[in-house]
Amino acid sequence: MRRRSVLLAGAALAAAPATAWAAGAGRRPEGRAAAGGRVVVYYQTQYADGTYVSPLGLTENATGVTDVLVAAVHLNDVNGEHAPVHLNDDPPGADKYQQMWADLKAMQGKGVRVLGMIGGAAPGSFTRLDTEFDTYYPLLRDFVREYGLNGVDLDVEEDMSLQGIERVIDALRKDFGADFVITLAPVGTALSGGGNLSGFDYEELYRNKGGDIAWFNAQFYNGWGSMASTDSFDSIVSRGLIPAEKIVAGVLTDPANGGSGYVDMDTLKATVKSLRAKHPDFGGVDGWEYFNSQPGGASAPWKWAAEVSSAMAG
């Protein structure tokens, strides 16, 4: 389970929507790691102690970042008193987010994909998409269009039917085309026949919709797996269904960012190098989350991506 700063039903009145911006087809990310390897950063804390945390360090420095996942987007009760779409505790068009959207657009211009992370630990978004699709899917679709996202990360941490998640994937593919990136963020064990927070069977989902899933951001922490060794990753690949290229290993970037399972950078890099040797098509690494990532901490969180990218490159 990911830690979220969440508003279950919304906490602020809707603000005027931000100016829409086009998704950047862009160049390939500068300094990208070896072919196939992704360096993915979750960007959920946009403000720390009241100060804006810009993601631009990821492109102002040679980090090899490929994807930034803006978290966390929630679909609230349309009959409630608050805005039905929220980014953390505010509508995405709130004044506080204007600089963030501008910075993300600039990163797209340098070839970095920007995805919206939907759901997470706060329940409700996927229950609503499952049971009231015609009401809530248009809210998701319009949010993606307005902010020019390159894709979405579906972080289902509540019960949802297989039919329901497939319907969401089908609709996204129809509305946004073949280049739109669709990822999911299961706990690691959900991909190896073990514990699962989502309700549906991920292996069955992959059999049915694998061609539409770009990759899985598998959570290898909080007891759902580990990157202290290659075992958790290998246990998925050994089942012979989901290939290594579609598994991105999720880790905590700081011990404070989850309940347990933080792996220090030296150990993480050694595991990444081992996985690259075992699986030349290794999918990559994602980090939860950006603002305080080690080894740079709050003053230089971009260093996490640079270190991981160097390990990916061998």
C-alpha atoms as a PDB file:
ATOM      1  CA  MET A   1       0.000   0.000   0.000  1.00  0.00           C
ATOM      2  CA  ARG A   2       1.302   3.399  -0.900  1.00  0.00           C
ATOM      3  CA  ARG A   3       1.231   6.305   1.508  1.00  0.00           C
ATOM      4  CA  ARG A   4      -1.000   9.061   0.224  1.00  0.00           C
ATOM      5  CA  SER A   5      -1.876  12.568   1.299  1.00  0.00           C
ATOM      6  CA  VAL A   6      -5.513  12.066   0.473  1.00  0.00           C
ATOM      7  CA  LEU A   7      -8.903  13.659   0.680  1.00  0.00           C
ATOM      8  CA  LEU A   8     -11.508  10.956   0.663  1.00  0.00           C
ATOM      9  CA  ALA A   9     -14.398  13.143  -0.394  1.00  0.00           C
ATOM     10  CA  GLY A  10     -12.626  16.345  -1.422  1.00  0.00           C
ATOM     11  CA  ALA A  11     -11.697  19.233   0.838  1.00  0.00           C
ATOM     12  CA  ALA A  12     -11.821  22.344  -1.310  1.00  0.00           C
ATOM     13  CA  LEU A  13     -14.279  23.939  -3.670  1.00  0.00           C
ATOM     14  CA  ALA A  14     -13.506  23.602  -7.358  1.00  0.00           C
ATOM     15  CA  ALA A  15     -11.157  26.176  -8.753  1.00  0.00           C
ATOM     16  CA  ALA A  16     -11.140  27.457 -12.306  1.00  0.00           C
ATOM     17  CA  PRO A  17      -9.543  24.849 -14.588  1.00  0.00           C
ATOM     18  CA  ALA A  18      -5.977  25.301 -15.643  1.00  0.00           C
ATOM     19  CA  THR A  19      -5.140  26.135 -19.219  1.00  0.00           C
ATOM     20  CA  ALA A  20      -5.005  22.916 -21.180  1.00  0.00           C
ATOM     21  CA  TRP A  21      -1.695  21.891 -22.695  1.00  0.00           C
ATOM     22  CA  ALA A  22      -0.856  19.369 -25.334  1.00  0.00           C
ATOM     23  CA  ALA A  23       0.905  16.130 -24.577  1.00  0.00           C
ATOM     24  CA  GLY A  24       4.483  16.259 -25.836  1.00  0.00           C
ATOM     25  CA  ALA A  25       5.219  13.620 -28.390  1.00  0.00           C
ATOM     26  CA  GLY A  26       8.708  14.896 -27.814  1.00  0.00           C
ATOM     27  CA  ARG A  27      12.081  13.250 -28.198  1.00  0.00           C
ATOM     28  CA  ARG A  28      13.265  10.147 -26.430  1.00  0.00           C
ATOM     29  CA  PRO A  29      14.221  11.069 -22.864  1.00  0.00           C
ATOM     30  CA  GLU A  30      17.678  12.588 -22.610  1.00  0.00           C
ATOM     31  CA  GLY A  31      20.194  10.262 -20.997  1.00  0.00           C
ATOM     32  CA  ARG A  32      17.773   7.368 -21.020  1.00  0.00           C
ATOM     33  CA  ALA A  33      19.089   4.121 -19.552  1.00  0.00           C
ATOM     34  CA  ALA A  34      19.821   1.108 -21.719  1.00  0.00           C
ATOM     35  CA  ALA A  35      17.111   0.095 -24.173  1.00  0.00           C
ATOM     36  CA  GLY A  36      13.912  -1.081 -22.498  1.00  0.00           C
ATOM     37  CA  GLY A  37      14.885   0.050 -19.020  1.00  0.00           C
ATOM     38  CA  ARG A  38      12.622   2.637 -17.424  1.00  0.00           C
ATOM     39  CA  VAL A  39      13.424   4.997 -14.587  1.00  0.00           C
ATOM     40  CA  VAL A  40      10.056   5.990 -13.152  1.00  0.00           C
ATOM     41  CA  VAL A  41       9.431   8.571 -10.437  1.00  0.00           C
ATOM     42  CA  TYR A  42       6.202   9.019  -8.486  1.00  0.00           C
ATOM     43  CA  TYR A  43       5.588  12.716  -7.826  1.00  0.00           C
ATOM     44  CA  GLN A  44       3.006  12.960  -5.053  1.00  0.00           C
ATOM     45  CA  THR A  45       4.320  15.560  -2.621  1.00  0.00           C
ATOM     46  CA  GLN A  46       4.132  18.745  -4.641  1.00  0.00           C
ATOM     47  CA  TYR A  47       4.491  20.879  -1.501  1.00  0.00           C
ATOM     48  CA  ALA A  48       6.727  20.070   1.483  1.00  0.00           C
ATOM     49  CA  ASP A  49       6.288  22.283   4.555  1.00  0.00           C
ATOM     50  CA  GLY A  50       4.454  24.782   2.379  1.00  0.00           C
ATOM     51  CA  THR A  51       7.227  25.049  -0.224  1.00  0.00           C
ATOM     52  CA  TYR A  52       6.699  23.962  -3.817  1.00  0.00           C
ATOM     53  CA  VAL A  53       8.746  20.916  -4.879  1.00  0.00           C
ATOM     54  CA  SER A  54       9.563  21.239  -8.572  1.00  0.00           C
ATOM     55  CA  PRO A  55      10.276  18.090 -10.593  1.00  0.00           C
ATOM     56  CA  LEU A  56      12.553  19.993 -12.998  1.00  0.00           C
ATOM     57  CA  GLY A  57      15.704  18.719 -11.328  1.00  0.00           C
ATOM     58  CA  LEU A  58      15.021  15.441 -13.101  1.00  0.00           C
ATOM     59  CA  THR A  59      15.656  17.058 -16.482  1.00  0.00           C
ATOM     60  CA  GLU A  60      18.018  19.841 -15.453  1.00  0.00           C
ATOM     61  CA  ASN A  61      20.436  17.116 -14.375  1.00  0.00           C
ATOM     62  CA  ALA A  62      21.487  13.984 -16.259  1.00  0.00           C
ATOM     63  CA  THR A  63      19.191  11.526 -14.483  1.00  0.00           C
ATOM     64  CA  GLY A  64      17.906   9.287 -17.278  1.00  0.00           C
ATOM     65  CA  VAL A  65      14.343   9.624 -15.988  1.00  0.00           C
ATOM     66  CA  THR A  66      11.800   8.260 -18.463  1.00  0.00           C
ATOM     67  CA  ASP A  67       8.467   8.751 -16.701  1.00  0.00           C
ATOM     68  CA  VAL A  68       6.984  10.995 -14.022  1.00  0.00           C
ATOM     69  CA  LEU A  69       3.759   9.792 -12.396  1.00  0.00           C
ATOM     70  CA  VAL A  70       1.726  12.613 -10.882  1.00  0.00           C
ATOM     71  CA  ALA A  71      -0.103  11.363  -7.818  1.00  0.00           C
ATOM     72  CA  ALA A  72      -2.700  10.943  -6.587  1.00  0.00           C
ATOM     73  CA  VAL A  73      -5.845  11.586  -8.624  1.00  0.00           C
ATOM     74  CA  HIS A  74      -9.177  10.757  -6.973  1.00  0.00           C
ATOM     75  CA  LEU A  75     -12.699  10.554  -8.359  1.00  0.00           C
ATOM     76  CA  ASN A  76     -15.045  11.799  -5.640  1.00  0.00           C
ATOM     77  CA  ASP A  77     -18.799  11.441  -5.227  1.00  0.00           C
ATOM     78  CA  VAL A  78     -20.457  13.596  -7.885  1.00  0.00           C
ATOM     79  CA  ASN A  79     -23.344  14.169  -5.476  1.00  0.00           C
ATOM     80  CA  GLY A  80     -21.051  15.409  -2.749  1.00  0.00           C
ATOM     81  CA  GLU A  81     -20.299  18.994  -1.844  1.00  0.00           C
ATOM     82  CA  HIS A  82     -16.785  19.023  -3.307  1.00  0.00           C
ATOM     83  CA  ALA A  83     -15.215  18.854  -6.750  1.00  0.00           C
ATOM     84  CA  PRO A  84     -15.511  15.369  -8.263  1.00  0.00           C
ATOM     85  CA  VAL A  85     -11.865  15.257  -9.424  1.00  0.00           C
ATOM     86  CA  HIS A  86      -9.050  15.989  -7.009  1.00  0.00           C
ATOM     87  CA  LEU A  87      -5.281  15.856  -7.116  1.00  0.00           C
ATOM     88  CA  ASN A  88      -4.504  15.050  -3.500  1.00  0.00           C
ATOM     89  CA  ASP A  89      -6.421  17.620  -1.451  1.00  0.00           C
ATOM     90  CA  ASP A  90      -7.365  20.094  -4.184  1.00  0.00           C
ATOM     91  CA  PRO A  91      -8.906  20.227  -7.656  1.00  0.00           C
ATOM     92  CA  PRO A  92      -6.199  19.868 -10.326  1.00  0.00           C
ATOM     93  CA  GLY A  93      -6.933  23.390 -11.569  1.00  0.00           C
ATOM     94  CA  ALA A  94      -6.180  25.005  -8.207  1.00  0.00           C
ATOM     95  CA  ASP A  95      -3.774  27.933  -8.303  1.00  0.00           C
ATOM     96  CA  LYS A  96      -1.218  25.976  -6.279  1.00  0.00           C
ATOM     97  CA  TYR A  97      -0.752  23.558  -9.192  1.00  0.00           C
ATOM     98  CA  GLN A  98      -0.214  26.066 -12.005  1.00  0.00           C
ATOM     99  CA  GLN A  99       3.585  25.995 -11.739  1.00  0.00           C
ATOM    100  CA  MET A 100       3.570  22.220 -11.480  1.00  0.00           C
ATOM    101  CA  TRP A 101       1.628  21.787 -14.730  1.00  0.00           C
ATOM    102  CA  ALA A 102       3.986  24.238 -16.465  1.00  0.00           C
ATOM    103  CA  ASP A 103       7.035  22.349 -15.194  1.00  0.00           C
ATOM    104  CA  LEU A 104       5.600  19.013 -16.313  1.00  0.00           C
ATOM    105  CA  LYS A 105       4.882  20.413 -19.753  1.00  0.00           C
ATOM    106  CA  ALA A 106       8.508  21.520 -19.999  1.00  0.00           C
ATOM    107  CA  MET A 107       9.622  18.011 -19.071  1.00  0.00           C
ATOM    108  CA  GLN A 108       7.391  16.545 -21.765  1.00  0.00           C
ATOM    109  CA  GLY A 109       9.156  18.800 -24.219  1.00  0.00           C
ATOM    110  CA  LYS A 110      12.392  17.013 -23.270  1.00  0.00           C
ATOM    111  CA  GLY A 111      10.875  13.603 -23.952  1.00  0.00           C
ATOM    112  CA  VAL A 112       9.782  12.580 -20.451  1.00  0.00           C
ATOM    113  CA  ARG A 113       6.355  10.974 -20.316  1.00  0.00           C
ATOM    114  CA  VAL A 114       3.935  12.358 -17.730  1.00  0.00           C
ATOM    115  CA  LEU A 115       1.272   9.997 -16.403  1.00  0.00           C
ATOM    116  CA  GLY A 116      -1.482  10.531 -13.873  1.00  0.00           C
ATOM    117  CA  MET A 117      -1.614   8.039 -11.010  1.00  0.00           C
ATOM    118  CA  ILE A 118      -5.253   7.211 -10.323  1.00  0.00           C
ATOM    119  CA  GLY A 119      -6.453   5.866  -6.979  1.00  0.00           C
ATOM    120  CA  GLY A 120      -4.028   4.485  -4.432  1.00  0.00           C
ATOM    121  CA  ALA A 121      -4.678   4.009  -0.745  1.00  0.00           C
ATOM    122  CA  ALA A 122      -7.769   6.239  -0.626  1.00  0.00           C
ATOM    123  CA  PRO A 123     -10.763   4.094  -1.587  1.00  0.00           C
ATOM    124  CA  GLY A 124     -13.584   5.047  -3.899  1.00  0.00           C
ATOM    125  CA  SER A 125     -12.243   5.911  -7.337  1.00  0.00           C
ATOM    126  CA  PHE A 126     -12.219   2.382  -8.715  1.00  0.00           C
ATOM    127  CA  THR A 127     -15.401   1.325  -6.949  1.00  0.00           C
ATOM    128  CA  ARG A 128     -17.098   4.202  -8.751  1.00  0.00           C
ATOM    129  CA  LEU A 129     -15.526   3.312 -12.099  1.00  0.00           C
ATOM    130  CA  ASP A 130     -16.613  -0.294 -11.553  1.00  0.00           C
ATOM    131  CA  THR A 131     -20.214   0.336 -10.566  1.00  0.00           C
ATOM    132  CA  GLU A 132     -21.017   3.715 -12.173  1.00  0.00           C
ATOM    133  CA  PHE A 133     -18.762   3.743 -15.212  1.00  0.00           C
ATOM    134  CA  ASP A 134     -20.905   6.047 -17.342  1.00  0.00           C
ATOM    135  CA  THR A 135     -20.799   8.705 -14.629  1.00  0.00           C
ATOM    136  CA  TYR A 136     -17.174   8.527 -13.544  1.00  0.00           C
ATOM    137  CA  TYR A 137     -15.174   7.465 -16.594  1.00  0.00           C
ATOM    138  CA  PRO A 138     -15.905  10.750 -18.438  1.00  0.00           C
ATOM    139  CA  LEU A 139     -14.385  12.614 -15.484  1.00  0.00           C
ATOM    140  CA  LEU A 140     -11.176  10.621 -15.834  1.00  0.00           C
ATOM    141  CA  ARG A 141     -11.140  10.971 -19.626  1.00  0.00           C
ATOM    142  CA  ASP A 142     -11.648  14.725 -19.497  1.00  0.00           C
ATOM    143  CA  PHE A 143      -8.940  15.164 -16.843  1.00  0.00           C
ATOM    144  CA  VAL A 144      -6.435  13.309 -19.030  1.00  0.00           C
ATOM    145  CA  ARG A 145      -7.372  15.442 -22.032  1.00  0.00           C
ATOM    146  CA  GLU A 146      -7.269  18.745 -20.188  1.00  0.00           C
ATOM    147  CA  TYR A 147      -3.801  18.223 -18.796  1.00  0.00           C
ATOM    148  CA  GLY A 148      -2.304  16.520 -21.829  1.00  0.00           C
ATOM    149  CA  LEU A 149      -1.138  13.398 -20.051  1.00  0.00           C
ATOM    150  CA  ASN A 150       0.832  10.738 -21.893  1.00  0.00           C
ATOM    151  CA  GLY A 151      -0.858   7.992 -19.918  1.00  0.00           C
ATOM    152  CA  VAL A 152      -2.311   6.793 -16.638  1.00  0.00           C
ATOM    153  CA  ASP A 153      -1.131   4.535 -13.832  1.00  0.00           C
ATOM    154  CA  LEU A 154      -4.076   2.582 -12.406  1.00  0.00           C
ATOM    155  CA  ASP A 155      -3.301   1.941  -8.729  1.00  0.00           C
ATOM    156  CA  VAL A 156      -6.232  -0.233  -7.647  1.00  0.00           C
ATOM    157  CA  GLU A 157      -6.083  -0.727  -3.874  1.00  0.00           C
ATOM    158  CA  GLU A 158      -9.741  -1.667  -3.374  1.00  0.00           C
ATOM    159  CA  ASP A 159     -11.952  -4.469  -4.653  1.00  0.00           C
ATOM    160  CA  MET A 160     -12.770  -4.142  -8.341  1.00  0.00           C
ATOM    161  CA  SER A 161     -14.111  -6.653 -10.825  1.00  0.00           C
ATOM    162  CA  LEU A 162     -12.020  -7.968 -13.693  1.00  0.00           C
ATOM    163  CA  GLN A 163     -14.735  -6.830 -16.087  1.00  0.00           C
ATOM    164  CA  GLY A 164     -14.591  -3.362 -14.557  1.00  0.00           C
ATOM    165  CA  ILE A 165     -10.842  -2.826 -14.926  1.00  0.00           C
ATOM    166  CA  GLU A 166     -10.939  -4.226 -18.455  1.00  0.00           C
ATOM    167  CA  ARG A 167     -13.695  -1.781 -19.349  1.00  0.00           C
ATOM    168  CA  VAL A 168     -11.563   1.112 -18.112  1.00  0.00           C
ATOM    169  CA  ILE A 169      -8.555  -0.093 -20.125  1.00  0.00           C
ATOM    170  CA  ASP A 170     -10.664  -0.579 -23.261  1.00  0.00           C
ATOM    171  CA  ALA A 171     -12.164   2.896 -22.973  1.00  0.00           C
ATOM    172  CA  LEU A 172      -8.779   4.555 -22.460  1.00  0.00           C
ATOM    173  CA  ARG A 173      -7.351   2.750 -25.473  1.00  0.00           C
ATOM    174  CA  LYS A 174     -10.316   3.733 -27.629  1.00  0.00           C
ATOM    175  CA  ASP A 175     -10.256   7.375 -26.557  1.00  0.00           C
ATOM    176  CA  PHE A 176      -6.486   7.985 -26.596  1.00  0.00           C
ATOM    177  CA  GLY A 177      -5.064   5.613 -29.169  1.00  0.00           C
ATOM    178  CA  ALA A 178      -2.209   3.180 -29.471  1.00  0.00           C
ATOM    179  CA  ASP A 179       0.526   5.469 -28.111  1.00  0.00           C
ATOM    180  CA  PHE A 180      -1.252   6.189 -24.831  1.00  0.00           C
ATOM    181  CA  VAL A 181       0.564   4.543 -21.910  1.00  0.00           C
ATOM    182  CA  ILE A 182      -1.524   2.408 -19.556  1.00  0.00           C
ATOM    183  CA  THR A 183       0.218   0.979 -16.501  1.00  0.00           C
ATOM    184  CA  LEU A 184      -1.020  -0.679 -13.320  1.00  0.00           C
ATOM    185  CA  ALA A 185       0.518  -0.683  -9.845  1.00  0.00           C
ATOM    186  CA  PRO A 186      -0.184  -3.980  -8.077  1.00  0.00           C
ATOM    187  CA  VAL A 187       1.632  -5.197  -5.018  1.00  0.00           C
ATOM    188  CA  GLY A 188       4.444  -7.468  -6.157  1.00  0.00           C
ATOM    189  CA  THR A 189       2.893 -10.680  -4.896  1.00  0.00           C
ATOM    190  CA  ALA A 190      -0.207 -10.087  -7.017  1.00  0.00           C
ATOM    191  CA  LEU A 191       1.919 -10.903 -10.068  1.00  0.00           C
ATOM    192  CA  SER A 192       3.278 -14.152  -8.630  1.00  0.00           C
ATOM    193  CA  GLY A 193       0.104 -15.822  -7.400  1.00  0.00           C
ATOM    194  CA  GLY A 194       0.140 -14.319  -3.894  1.00  0.00           C
ATOM    195  CA  GLY A 195      -1.541 -11.534  -1.949  1.00  0.00           C
ATOM    196  CA  ASN A 196      -3.518  -8.909  -3.839  1.00  0.00           C
ATOM    197  CA  LEU A 197      -5.222  -5.635  -2.916  1.00  0.00           C
ATOM    198  CA  SER A 198      -7.232  -5.195  -6.124  1.00  0.00           C
ATOM    199  CA  GLY A 199      -9.851  -7.936  -6.101  1.00  0.00           C
ATOM    200  CA  PHE A 200      -9.233  -9.162  -9.657  1.00  0.00           C
ATOM    201  CA  ASP A 201      -6.628 -11.645 -10.874  1.00  0.00           C
ATOM    202  CA  TYR A 202      -3.701  -9.836 -12.527  1.00  0.00           C
ATOM    203  CA  GLU A 203      -2.587 -12.886 -14.451  1.00  0.00           C
ATOM    204  CA  GLU A 204      -6.048 -13.257 -15.952  1.00  0.00           C
ATOM    205  CA  LEU A 205      -6.049  -9.558 -16.720  1.00  0.00           C
ATOM    206  CA  TYR A 206      -2.704  -9.924 -18.480  1.00  0.00           C
ATOM    207  CA  ARG A 207      -3.956 -12.867 -20.534  1.00  0.00           C
ATOM    208  CA  ASN A 208      -6.917 -10.788 -21.656  1.00  0.00           C
ATOM    209  CA  LYS A 209      -5.387  -7.315 -21.981  1.00  0.00           C
ATOM    210  CA  GLY A 210      -1.611  -7.724 -21.918  1.00  0.00           C
ATOM    211  CA  GLY A 211      -1.228  -6.003 -25.267  1.00  0.00           C
ATOM    212  CA  ASP A 212      -2.769  -2.842 -23.826  1.00  0.00           C
ATOM    213  CA  ILE A 213      -0.696  -2.796 -20.634  1.00  0.00           C
ATOM    214  CA  ALA A 214       2.631  -1.031 -21.114  1.00  0.00           C
ATOM    215  CA  TRP A 215       4.037  -2.344 -17.831  1.00  0.00           C
ATOM    216  CA  PHE A 216       3.308  -3.044 -14.174  1.00  0.00           C
ATOM    217  CA  ASN A 217       4.736  -0.817 -11.426  1.00  0.00           C
ATOM    218  CA  ALA A 218       5.036  -3.684  -8.953  1.00  0.00           C
ATOM    219  CA  GLN A 219       5.236  -2.620  -5.304  1.00  0.00           C
ATOM    220  CA  PHE A 220       8.200  -4.494  -3.803  1.00  0.00           C
ATOM    221  CA  TYR A 221       7.949  -3.122  -0.260  1.00  0.00           C
ATOM    222  CA  ASN A 222       5.652  -3.130   2.791  1.00  0.00           C
ATOM    223  CA  GLY A 223       5.852  -6.915   2.837  1.00  0.00           C
ATOM    224  CA  TRP A 224       4.772  -7.404  -0.794  1.00  0.00           C
ATOM    225  CA  GLY A 225       8.251  -8.131  -2.130  1.00  0.00           C
ATOM    226  CA  SER A 226      11.768  -6.764  -1.921  1.00  0.00           C
ATOM    227  CA  MET A 227      14.581  -5.455  -4.063  1.00  0.00           C
ATOM    228  CA  ALA A 228      17.192  -6.547  -1.532  1.00  0.00           C
ATOM    229  CA  SER A 229      17.700  -9.460  -3.931  1.00  0.00           C
ATOM    230  CA  THR A 230      16.347 -10.602  -7.288  1.00  0.00           C
ATOM    231  CA  ASP A 231      13.986 -13.157  -5.723  1.00  0.00           C
ATOM    232  CA  SER A 232      10.722 -11.190  -5.880  1.00  0.00           C
ATOM    233  CA  PHE A 233      11.262 -10.175  -9.493  1.00  0.00           C
ATOM    234  CA  ASP A 234      12.371 -13.665 -10.504  1.00  0.00           C
ATOM    235  CA  SER A 235       9.306 -15.210  -8.887  1.00  0.00           C
ATOM    236  CA  ILE A 236       7.106 -13.313 -11.336  1.00  0.00           C
ATOM    237  CA  VAL A 237       9.147 -14.050 -14.448  1.00  0.00           C
ATOM    238  CA  SER A 238       9.454 -17.735 -13.554  1.00  0.00           C
ATOM    239  CA  ARG A 239       5.696 -18.178 -13.917  1.00  0.00           C
ATOM    240  CA  GLY A 240       6.173 -17.775 -17.658  1.00  0.00           C
ATOM    241  CA  LEU A 241       3.405 -15.278 -18.305  1.00  0.00           C
ATOM    242  CA  ILE A 242       4.433 -11.679 -17.653  1.00  0.00           C
ATOM    243  CA  PRO A 243       7.787 -10.909 -19.300  1.00  0.00           C
ATOM    244  CA  ALA A 244      10.603  -9.063 -17.559  1.00  0.00           C
ATOM    245  CA  GLU A 245      10.209  -6.095 -19.906  1.00  0.00           C
ATOM    246  CA  LYS A 246       6.752  -5.432 -18.470  1.00  0.00           C
ATOM    247  CA  ILE A 247       7.774  -5.496 -14.813  1.00  0.00           C
ATOM    248  CA  VAL A 248       9.065  -2.276 -13.257  1.00  0.00           C
ATOM    249  CA  ALA A 249      10.294  -2.891  -9.731  1.00  0.00           C
ATOM    250  CA  GLY A 250       8.823  -0.430  -7.260  1.00  0.00           C
ATOM    251  CA  VAL A 251      10.901   0.672  -4.268  1.00  0.00           C
ATOM    252  CA  LEU A 252      10.785   3.236  -1.484  1.00  0.00           C
ATOM    253  CA  THR A 253      13.116   6.159  -2.043  1.00  0.00           C
ATOM    254  CA  ASP A 254      13.348   6.937   1.681  1.00  0.00           C
ATOM    255  CA  PRO A 255      12.530   4.844   4.770  1.00  0.00           C
ATOM    256  CA  ALA A 256       9.861   7.390   5.757  1.00  0.00           C
ATOM    257  CA  ASN A 257       7.883   6.813   2.562  1.00  0.00           C
ATOM    258  CA  GLY A 258       6.390   3.459   3.547  1.00  0.00           C
ATOM    259  CA  GLY A 259       5.826   1.094   6.401  1.00  0.00           C
ATOM    260  CA  SER A 260       8.745  -1.223   5.692  1.00  0.00           C
ATOM    261  CA  GLY A 261      11.018  -2.575   3.014  1.00  0.00           C
ATOM    262  CA  TYR A 262      13.344   0.328   2.250  1.00  0.00           C
ATOM    263  CA  VAL A 263      16.477  -0.892   0.447  1.00  0.00           C
ATOM    264  CA  ASP A 264      19.595   1.269   0.604  1.00  0.00           C
ATOM    265  CA  MET A 265      21.001   2.569  -2.666  1.00  0.00           C
ATOM    266  CA  ASP A 266      24.094   0.360  -2.792  1.00  0.00           C
ATOM    267  CA  THR A 267      21.987  -2.781  -2.330  1.00  0.00           C
ATOM    268  CA  LEU A 268      19.389  -1.572  -4.823  1.00  0.00           C
ATOM    269  CA  LYS A 269      22.029  -0.895  -7.463  1.00  0.00           C
ATOM    270  CA  ALA A 270      23.564  -4.319  -6.954  1.00  0.00           C
ATOM    271  CA  THR A 271      20.155  -5.961  -7.405  1.00  0.00           C
ATOM    272  CA  VAL A 272      19.403  -3.890 -10.510  1.00  0.00           C
ATOM    273  CA  LYS A 273      22.724  -4.900 -12.053  1.00  0.00           C
ATOM    274  CA  SER A 274      22.006  -8.548 -11.287  1.00  0.00           C
ATOM    275  CA  LEU A 275      18.560  -8.286 -12.845  1.00  0.00           C
ATOM    276  CA  ARG A 276      19.999  -6.640 -15.944  1.00  0.00           C
ATOM    277  CA  ALA A 277      22.433  -9.538 -16.253  1.00  0.00           C
ATOM    278  CA  LYS A 278      19.700 -12.158 -15.775  1.00  0.00           C
ATOM    279  CA  HIS A 279      17.056 -10.369 -17.827  1.00  0.00           C
ATOM    280  CA  PRO A 280      18.468  -8.122 -20.571  1.00  0.00           C
ATOM    281  CA  ASP A 281      14.925  -6.839 -21.138  1.00  0.00           C
ATOM    282  CA  PHE A 282      14.463  -5.921 -17.442  1.00  0.00           C
ATOM    283  CA  GLY A 283      11.613  -3.397 -17.287  1.00  0.00           C
ATOM    284  CA  GLY A 284      13.151  -0.887 -14.910  1.00  0.00           C
ATOM    285  CA  VAL A 285      12.668   0.665 -11.475  1.00  0.00           C
ATOM    286  CA  ASP A 286      10.122   3.057 -10.011  1.00  0.00           C
ATOM    287  CA  GLY A 287      10.540   5.096  -6.849  1.00  0.00           C
ATOM    288  CA  TRP A 288       7.913   6.132  -4.311  1.00  0.00           C
ATOM    289  CA  GLU A 289       8.313   9.063  -4.051  1.00  0.00           C
ATOM    290  CA  TYR A 290      10.253  12.043  -5.397  1.00  0.00           C
ATOM    291  CA  PHE A 291      10.452  14.890  -2.882  1.00  0.00           C
ATOM    292  CA  ASN A 292      12.827  13.348  -0.316  1.00  0.00           C
ATOM    293  CA  SER A 293      14.530  10.667  -2.409  1.00  0.00           C
ATOM    294  CA  GLN A 294      17.857   9.387  -1.139  1.00  0.00           C
ATOM    295  CA  PRO A 295      20.757   9.833  -1.508  1.00  0.00           C
ATOM    296  CA  GLY A 296      20.149  13.508  -2.230  1.00  0.00           C
ATOM    297  CA  GLY A 297      17.242  14.009   0.143  1.00  0.00           C
ATOM    298  CA  ALA A 298      15.001  17.050  -0.033  1.00  0.00           C
ATOM    299  CA  SER A 299      17.787  19.276  -1.360  1.00  0.00           C
ATOM    300  CA  ALA A 300      18.599  17.064  -4.367  1.00  0.00           C
ATOM    301  CA  PRO A 301      15.947  14.348  -4.799  1.00  0.00           C
ATOM    302  CA  TRP A 302      16.853  13.939  -8.479  1.00  0.00           C
ATOM    303  CA  LYS A 303      19.982  12.024  -7.461  1.00  0.00           C
ATOM    304  CA  TRP A 304      17.909   8.874  -6.832  1.00  0.00           C
ATOM    305  CA  ALA A 305      16.991   8.665 -10.523  1.00  0.00           C
ATOM    306  CA  ALA A 306      20.582   9.357 -11.584  1.00  0.00           C
ATOM    307  CA  GLU A 307      21.898   6.544  -9.390  1.00  0.00           C
ATOM    308  CA  VAL A 308      19.287   4.068 -10.586  1.00  0.00           C
ATOM    309  CA  SER A 309      19.884   5.038 -14.200  1.00  0.00           C
ATOM    310  CA  SER A 310      23.608   4.404 -13.807  1.00  0.00           C
ATOM    311  CA  ALA A 311      22.885   0.926 -12.462  1.00  0.00           C
ATOM    312  CA  MET A 312      20.476   0.270 -15.336  1.00  0.00           C
ATOM    313  CA  ALA A 313      23.191   1.208 -17.803  1.00  0.00           C
ATOM    314  CA  GLY A 314      25.504  -1.375 -16.252  1.00  0.00           C
END
